[in-house]
Amino acid sequence: MLAMLLWPGSPECYPTVARAAAMLTISPCCCRSAGRRYARRAALAVPAAAMLVMLLSLSPLQLRSPCR
């Protein structure tokens, strides 16, 4: 859903963005099982990974993809 809102076109053109959006929808119960020590690290890693994927998807290499 996030990939379709930000980037028009078919989801096949943006597999990394679609995969990142799917990873962000995973429930936070997996973070609870990791313990309190790693919960904060995991909570910081998810937004950082999402930002990295968004920056990489906006790179000139992605803009020249054959899907357009």
PDB file of N, CA and C in Angstrom:
ATOM      1  N   MET A   1       0.827  -1.192   0.000  1.00  0.00           N
ATOM      2  CA  MET A   1       0.000   0.000   0.000  1.00  0.00           C
ATOM      3  C   MET A   1       0.873   1.258   0.000  1.00  0.00           C
ATOM      4  N   LEU A   2       1.904   1.256   0.843  1.00  0.00           N
ATOM      5  CA  LEU A   2       2.800   2.401   0.905  1.00  0.00           C
ATOM      6  C   LEU A   2       3.516   2.613  -0.417  1.00  0.00           C
ATOM      7  N   ALA A   3       3.957   1.521  -1.023  1.00  0.00           N
ATOM      8  CA  ALA A   3       4.661   1.635  -2.299  1.00  0.00           C
ATOM      9  C   ALA A   3       3.746   2.164  -3.388  1.00  0.00           C
ATOM     10  N   MET A   4       2.490   1.767  -3.372  1.00  0.00           N
ATOM     11  CA  MET A   4       1.559   2.225  -4.405  1.00  0.00           C
ATOM     12  C   MET A   4       1.192   3.688  -4.198  1.00  0.00           C
ATOM     13  N   LEU A   5       1.180   4.161  -2.942  1.00  0.00           N
ATOM     14  CA  LEU A   5       0.849   5.555  -2.698  1.00  0.00           C
ATOM     15  C   LEU A   5       1.992   6.480  -3.114  1.00  0.00           C
ATOM     16  N   LEU A   6       3.229   6.057  -2.851  1.00  0.00           N
ATOM     17  CA  LEU A   6       4.365   6.922  -3.134  1.00  0.00           C
ATOM     18  C   LEU A   6       4.864   6.815  -4.564  1.00  0.00           C
ATOM     19  N   TRP A   7       4.797   5.622  -5.127  1.00  0.00           N
ATOM     20  CA  TRP A   7       5.331   5.395  -6.462  1.00  0.00           C
ATOM     21  C   TRP A   7       4.250   4.830  -7.367  1.00  0.00           C
ATOM     22  N   PRO A   8       3.743   5.603  -8.313  1.00  0.00           N
ATOM     23  CA  PRO A   8       2.734   5.077  -9.230  1.00  0.00           C
ATOM     24  C   PRO A   8       3.322   4.020 -10.145  1.00  0.00           C
ATOM     25  N   GLY A   9       2.499   3.109 -10.571  1.00  0.00           N
ATOM     26  CA  GLY A   9       2.960   2.034 -11.443  1.00  0.00           C
ATOM     27  C   GLY A   9       2.706   0.694 -10.796  1.00  0.00           C
ATOM     28  N   SER A  10       3.089  -0.342 -11.497  1.00  0.00           N
ATOM     29  CA  SER A  10       2.837  -1.679 -10.977  1.00  0.00           C
ATOM     30  C   SER A  10       3.808  -2.002  -9.854  1.00  0.00           C
ATOM     31  N   PRO A  11       3.382  -2.797  -8.868  1.00  0.00           N
ATOM     32  CA  PRO A  11       4.262  -3.146  -7.749  1.00  0.00           C
ATOM     33  C   PRO A  11       5.473  -3.952  -8.188  1.00  0.00           C
ATOM     34  N   GLU A  12       5.411  -4.605  -9.353  1.00  0.00           N
ATOM     35  CA  GLU A  12       6.547  -5.391  -9.815  1.00  0.00           C
ATOM     36  C   GLU A  12       7.748  -4.511 -10.133  1.00  0.00           C
ATOM     37  N   CYS A  13       7.497  -3.248 -10.437  1.00  0.00           N
ATOM     38  CA  CYS A  13       8.589  -2.340 -10.766  1.00  0.00           C
ATOM     39  C   CYS A  13       9.403  -1.971  -9.533  1.00  0.00           C
ATOM     40  N   TYR A  14       8.820  -2.112  -8.373  1.00  0.00           N
ATOM     41  CA  TYR A  14       9.473  -1.683  -7.145  1.00  0.00           C
ATOM     42  C   TYR A  14       9.479  -2.817  -6.120  1.00  0.00           C
ATOM     43  N   PRO A  15      10.191  -3.914  -6.393  1.00  0.00           N
ATOM     44  CA  PRO A  15      10.140  -5.056  -5.471  1.00  0.00           C
ATOM     45  C   PRO A  15      10.747  -4.745  -4.113  1.00  0.00           C
ATOM     46  N   THR A  16      11.790  -3.914  -4.058  1.00  0.00           N
ATOM     47  CA  THR A  16      12.408  -3.641  -2.763  1.00  0.00           C
ATOM     48  C   THR A  16      11.513  -2.781  -1.895  1.00  0.00           C
ATOM     49  N   VAL A  17      10.817  -1.826  -2.495  1.00  0.00           N
ATOM     50  CA  VAL A  17       9.913  -0.975  -1.731  1.00  0.00           C
ATOM     51  C   VAL A  17       8.729  -1.785  -1.236  1.00  0.00           C
ATOM     52  N   ALA A  18       8.192  -2.644  -2.091  1.00  0.00           N
ATOM     53  CA  ALA A  18       7.072  -3.485  -1.676  1.00  0.00           C
ATOM     54  C   ALA A  18       7.497  -4.439  -0.572  1.00  0.00           C
ATOM     55  N   ARG A  19       8.708  -4.975  -0.675  1.00  0.00           N
ATOM     56  CA  ARG A  19       9.202  -5.893   0.357  1.00  0.00           C
ATOM     57  C   ARG A  19       9.404  -5.150   1.671  1.00  0.00           C
ATOM     58  N   ALA A  20       9.916  -3.920   1.616  1.00  0.00           N
ATOM     59  CA  ALA A  20      10.115  -3.142   2.841  1.00  0.00           C
ATOM     60  C   ALA A  20       8.786  -2.796   3.490  1.00  0.00           C
ATOM     61  N   ALA A  21       7.789  -2.458   2.665  1.00  0.00           N
ATOM     62  CA  ALA A  21       6.469  -2.162   3.216  1.00  0.00           C
ATOM     63  C   ALA A  21       5.867  -3.396   3.863  1.00  0.00           C
ATOM     64  N   ALA A  22       6.090  -4.566   3.273  1.00  0.00           N
ATOM     65  CA  ALA A  22       5.585  -5.799   3.871  1.00  0.00           C
ATOM     66  C   ALA A  22       6.306  -6.104   5.174  1.00  0.00           C
ATOM     67  N   MET A  23       7.601  -5.811   5.246  1.00  0.00           N
ATOM     68  CA  MET A  23       8.349  -6.056   6.479  1.00  0.00           C
ATOM     69  C   MET A  23       7.888  -5.133   7.595  1.00  0.00           C
ATOM     70  N   LEU A  24       7.462  -3.926   7.245  1.00  0.00           N
ATOM     71  CA  LEU A  24       7.013  -2.985   8.264  1.00  0.00           C
ATOM     72  C   LEU A  24       5.671  -3.376   8.858  1.00  0.00           C
ATOM     73  N   THR A  25       4.916  -4.226   8.167  1.00  0.00           N
ATOM     74  CA  THR A  25       3.610  -4.628   8.675  1.00  0.00           C
ATOM     75  C   THR A  25       3.693  -5.812   9.619  1.00  0.00           C
ATOM     76  N   ILE A  26       4.900  -6.369   9.824  1.00  0.00           N
ATOM     77  CA  ILE A  26       5.054  -7.494  10.744  1.00  0.00           C
ATOM     78  C   ILE A  26       4.732  -7.019  12.155  1.00  0.00           C
ATOM     79  N   SER A  27       3.994  -7.831  12.895  1.00  0.00           N
ATOM     80  CA  SER A  27       3.579  -7.437  14.239  1.00  0.00           C
ATOM     81  C   SER A  27       4.785  -7.324  15.163  1.00  0.00           C
ATOM     82  N   PRO A  28       4.705  -6.444  16.158  1.00  0.00           N
ATOM     83  CA  PRO A  28       5.848  -6.241  17.054  1.00  0.00           C
ATOM     84  C   PRO A  28       6.056  -7.360  18.062  1.00  0.00           C
ATOM     85  N   CYS A  29       5.308  -8.465  17.972  1.00  0.00           N
ATOM     86  CA  CYS A  29       5.483  -9.550  18.934  1.00  0.00           C
ATOM     87  C   CYS A  29       6.860 -10.187  18.782  1.00  0.00           C
ATOM     88  N   CYS A  30       7.423 -10.155  17.589  1.00  0.00           N
ATOM     89  CA  CYS A  30       8.759 -10.733  17.405  1.00  0.00           C
ATOM     90  C   CYS A  30       9.802  -9.913  18.154  1.00  0.00           C
ATOM     91  N   CYS A  31       9.545  -8.625  18.333  1.00  0.00           N
ATOM     92  CA  CYS A  31      10.484  -7.799  19.092  1.00  0.00           C
ATOM     93  C   CYS A  31      10.407  -8.122  20.581  1.00  0.00           C
ATOM     94  N   ARG A  32       9.217  -8.494  21.062  1.00  0.00           N
ATOM     95  CA  ARG A  32       9.060  -8.827  22.469  1.00  0.00           C
ATOM     96  C   ARG A  32       9.833 -10.082  22.834  1.00  0.00           C
ATOM     97  N   SER A  33       9.863 -11.057  21.938  1.00  0.00           N
ATOM     98  CA  SER A  33      10.556 -12.301  22.241  1.00  0.00           C
ATOM     99  C   SER A  33      12.066 -12.113  22.269  1.00  0.00           C
ATOM    100  N   ALA A  34      12.559 -11.052  21.672  1.00  0.00           N
ATOM    101  CA  ALA A  34      13.997 -10.796  21.663  1.00  0.00           C
ATOM    102  C   ALA A  34      14.487 -10.269  23.004  1.00  0.00           C
ATOM    103  N   GLY A  35      13.598  -9.849  23.855  1.00  0.00           N
ATOM    104  CA  GLY A  35      13.982  -9.321  25.164  1.00  0.00           C
ATOM    105  C   GLY A  35      14.071  -7.819  25.155  1.00  0.00           C
ATOM    106  N   ARG A  36      14.064  -7.246  26.352  1.00  0.00           N
ATOM    107  CA  ARG A  36      14.088  -5.785  26.459  1.00  0.00           C
ATOM    108  C   ARG A  36      15.399  -5.192  25.956  1.00  0.00           C
ATOM    109  N   ARG A  37      16.462  -5.957  26.051  1.00  0.00           N
ATOM    110  CA  ARG A  37      17.767  -5.438  25.646  1.00  0.00           C
ATOM    111  C   ARG A  37      17.813  -5.131  24.151  1.00  0.00           C
ATOM    112  N   TYR A  38      17.176  -5.974  23.345  1.00  0.00           N
ATOM    113  CA  TYR A  38      17.228  -5.806  21.894  1.00  0.00           C
ATOM    114  C   TYR A  38      15.994  -5.109  21.329  1.00  0.00           C
ATOM    115  N   ALA A  39      14.992  -4.863  22.147  1.00  0.00           N
ATOM    116  CA  ALA A  39      13.755  -4.251  21.649  1.00  0.00           C
ATOM    117  C   ALA A  39      14.004  -2.832  21.151  1.00  0.00           C
ATOM    118  N   ARG A  40      14.806  -2.085  21.884  1.00  0.00           N
ATOM    119  CA  ARG A  40      15.067  -0.705  21.473  1.00  0.00           C
ATOM    120  C   ARG A  40      15.872  -0.670  20.179  1.00  0.00           C
ATOM    121  N   ARG A  41      16.834  -1.576  20.061  1.00  0.00           N
ATOM    122  CA  ARG A  41      17.643  -1.643  18.843  1.00  0.00           C
ATOM    123  C   ARG A  41      16.781  -2.010  17.638  1.00  0.00           C
ATOM    124  N   ALA A  42      15.853  -2.947  17.837  1.00  0.00           N
ATOM    125  CA  ALA A  42      14.968  -3.347  16.740  1.00  0.00           C
ATOM    126  C   ALA A  42      14.016  -2.214  16.372  1.00  0.00           C
ATOM    127  N   ALA A  43      13.551  -1.469  17.374  1.00  0.00           N
ATOM    128  CA  ALA A  43      12.632  -0.358  17.107  1.00  0.00           C
ATOM    129  C   ALA A  43      13.323   0.748  16.318  1.00  0.00           C
ATOM    130  N   LEU A  44      14.615   0.910  16.499  1.00  0.00           N
ATOM    131  CA  LEU A  44      15.350   1.921  15.738  1.00  0.00           C
ATOM    132  C   LEU A  44      15.758   1.417  14.364  1.00  0.00           C
ATOM    133  N   ALA A  45      15.939   0.112  14.233  1.00  0.00           N
ATOM    134  CA  ALA A  45      16.407  -0.445  12.966  1.00  0.00           C
ATOM    135  C   ALA A  45      15.326  -0.424  11.894  1.00  0.00           C
ATOM    136  N   VAL A  46      14.063  -0.608  12.279  1.00  0.00           N
ATOM    137  CA  VAL A  46      12.982  -0.672  11.287  1.00  0.00           C
ATOM    138  C   VAL A  46      12.802   0.661  10.566  1.00  0.00           C
ATOM    139  N   PRO A  47      12.671   1.802  11.267  1.00  0.00           N
ATOM    140  CA  PRO A  47      12.557   3.072  10.522  1.00  0.00           C
ATOM    141  C   PRO A  47      13.817   3.410   9.727  1.00  0.00           C
ATOM    142  N   ALA A  48      14.985   3.050  10.254  1.00  0.00           N
ATOM    143  CA  ALA A  48      16.220   3.331   9.521  1.00  0.00           C
ATOM    144  C   ALA A  48      16.279   2.519   8.236  1.00  0.00           C
ATOM    145  N   ALA A  49      15.854   1.262   8.298  1.00  0.00           N
ATOM    146  CA  ALA A  49      15.840   0.425   7.093  1.00  0.00           C
ATOM    147  C   ALA A  49      14.827   0.945   6.086  1.00  0.00           C
ATOM    148  N   ALA A  50      13.678   1.400   6.573  1.00  0.00           N
ATOM    149  CA  ALA A  50      12.661   1.938   5.669  1.00  0.00           C
ATOM    150  C   ALA A  50      13.168   3.200   4.972  1.00  0.00           C
ATOM    151  N   MET A  51      13.875   4.040   5.717  1.00  0.00           N
ATOM    152  CA  MET A  51      14.412   5.263   5.115  1.00  0.00           C
ATOM    153  C   MET A  51      15.492   4.924   4.088  1.00  0.00           C
ATOM    154  N   LEU A  52      16.326   3.931   4.396  1.00  0.00           N
ATOM    155  CA  LEU A  52      17.368   3.530   3.457  1.00  0.00           C
ATOM    156  C   LEU A  52      16.772   2.993   2.165  1.00  0.00           C
ATOM    157  N   VAL A  53      15.735   2.171   2.280  1.00  0.00           N
ATOM    158  CA  VAL A  53      15.086   1.621   1.089  1.00  0.00           C
ATOM    159  C   VAL A  53      14.454   2.735   0.270  1.00  0.00           C
ATOM    160  N   MET A  54      13.847   3.717   0.946  1.00  0.00           N
ATOM    161  CA  MET A  54      13.214   4.811   0.220  1.00  0.00           C
ATOM    162  C   MET A  54      14.265   5.649  -0.511  1.00  0.00           C
ATOM    163  N   LEU A  55      15.392   5.902   0.136  1.00  0.00           N
ATOM    164  CA  LEU A  55      16.445   6.679  -0.523  1.00  0.00           C
ATOM    165  C   LEU A  55      17.033   5.925  -1.706  1.00  0.00           C
ATOM    166  N   LEU A  56      17.223   4.617  -1.551  1.00  0.00           N
ATOM    167  CA  LEU A  56      17.762   3.827  -2.656  1.00  0.00           C
ATOM    168  C   LEU A  56      16.782   3.731  -3.815  1.00  0.00           C
ATOM    169  N   SER A  57      15.500   3.698  -3.502  1.00  0.00           N
ATOM    170  CA  SER A  57      14.511   3.582  -4.572  1.00  0.00           C
ATOM    171  C   SER A  57      14.374   4.886  -5.352  1.00  0.00           C
ATOM    172  N   LEU A  58      14.781   5.992  -4.761  1.00  0.00           N
ATOM    173  CA  LEU A  58      14.721   7.277  -5.456  1.00  0.00           C
ATOM    174  C   LEU A  58      16.016   7.605  -6.191  1.00  0.00           C
ATOM    175  N   SER A  59      16.978   6.691  -6.175  1.00  0.00           N
ATOM    176  CA  SER A  59      18.255   6.934  -6.832  1.00  0.00           C
ATOM    177  C   SER A  59      18.073   6.975  -8.351  1.00  0.00           C
ATOM    178  N   PRO A  60      18.986   7.592  -9.080  1.00  0.00           N
ATOM    179  CA  PRO A  60      18.869   7.672 -10.548  1.00  0.00           C
ATOM    180  C   PRO A  60      18.837   6.308 -11.224  1.00  0.00           C
ATOM    181  N   LEU A  61      19.460   5.293 -10.630  1.00  0.00           N
ATOM    182  CA  LEU A  61      19.429   3.962 -11.232  1.00  0.00           C
ATOM    183  C   LEU A  61      18.012   3.416 -11.271  1.00  0.00           C
ATOM    184  N   GLN A  62      17.247   3.655 -10.214  1.00  0.00           N
ATOM    185  CA  GLN A  62      15.872   3.166 -10.172  1.00  0.00           C
ATOM    186  C   GLN A  62      14.982   3.968 -11.120  1.00  0.00           C
ATOM    187  N   LEU A  63      15.286   5.248 -11.291  1.00  0.00           N
ATOM    188  CA  LEU A  63      14.458   6.080 -12.162  1.00  0.00           C
ATOM    189  C   LEU A  63      14.594   5.676 -13.626  1.00  0.00           C
ATOM    190  N   ARG A  64      15.691   5.010 -13.977  1.00  0.00           N
ATOM    191  CA  ARG A  64      15.881   4.574 -15.356  1.00  0.00           C
ATOM    192  C   ARG A  64      15.429   3.138 -15.573  1.00  0.00           C
ATOM    193  N   SER A  65      14.595   2.597 -14.700  1.00  0.00           N
ATOM    194  CA  SER A  65      14.167   1.201 -14.831  1.00  0.00           C
ATOM    195  C   SER A  65      13.261   1.033 -16.052  1.00  0.00           C
ATOM    196  N   PRO A  66      13.227  -0.152 -16.655  1.00  0.00           N
ATOM    197  CA  PRO A  66      12.417  -0.380 -17.859  1.00  0.00           C
ATOM    198  C   PRO A  66      10.920  -0.447 -17.582  1.00  0.00           C
ATOM    199  N   CYS A  67      10.504  -0.364 -16.344  1.00  0.00           N
ATOM    200  CA  CYS A  67       9.077  -0.454 -16.021  1.00  0.00           C
ATOM    201  C   CYS A  67       8.329   0.812 -16.398  1.00  0.00           C
ATOM    202  N   ARG A  68       9.023   1.912 -16.553  1.00  0.00           N
ATOM    203  CA  ARG A  68       8.335   3.172 -16.857  1.00  0.00           C
ATOM    204  C   ARG A  68       7.948   3.270 -18.291  1.00  0.00           C
TER     205      ARG A  68
END
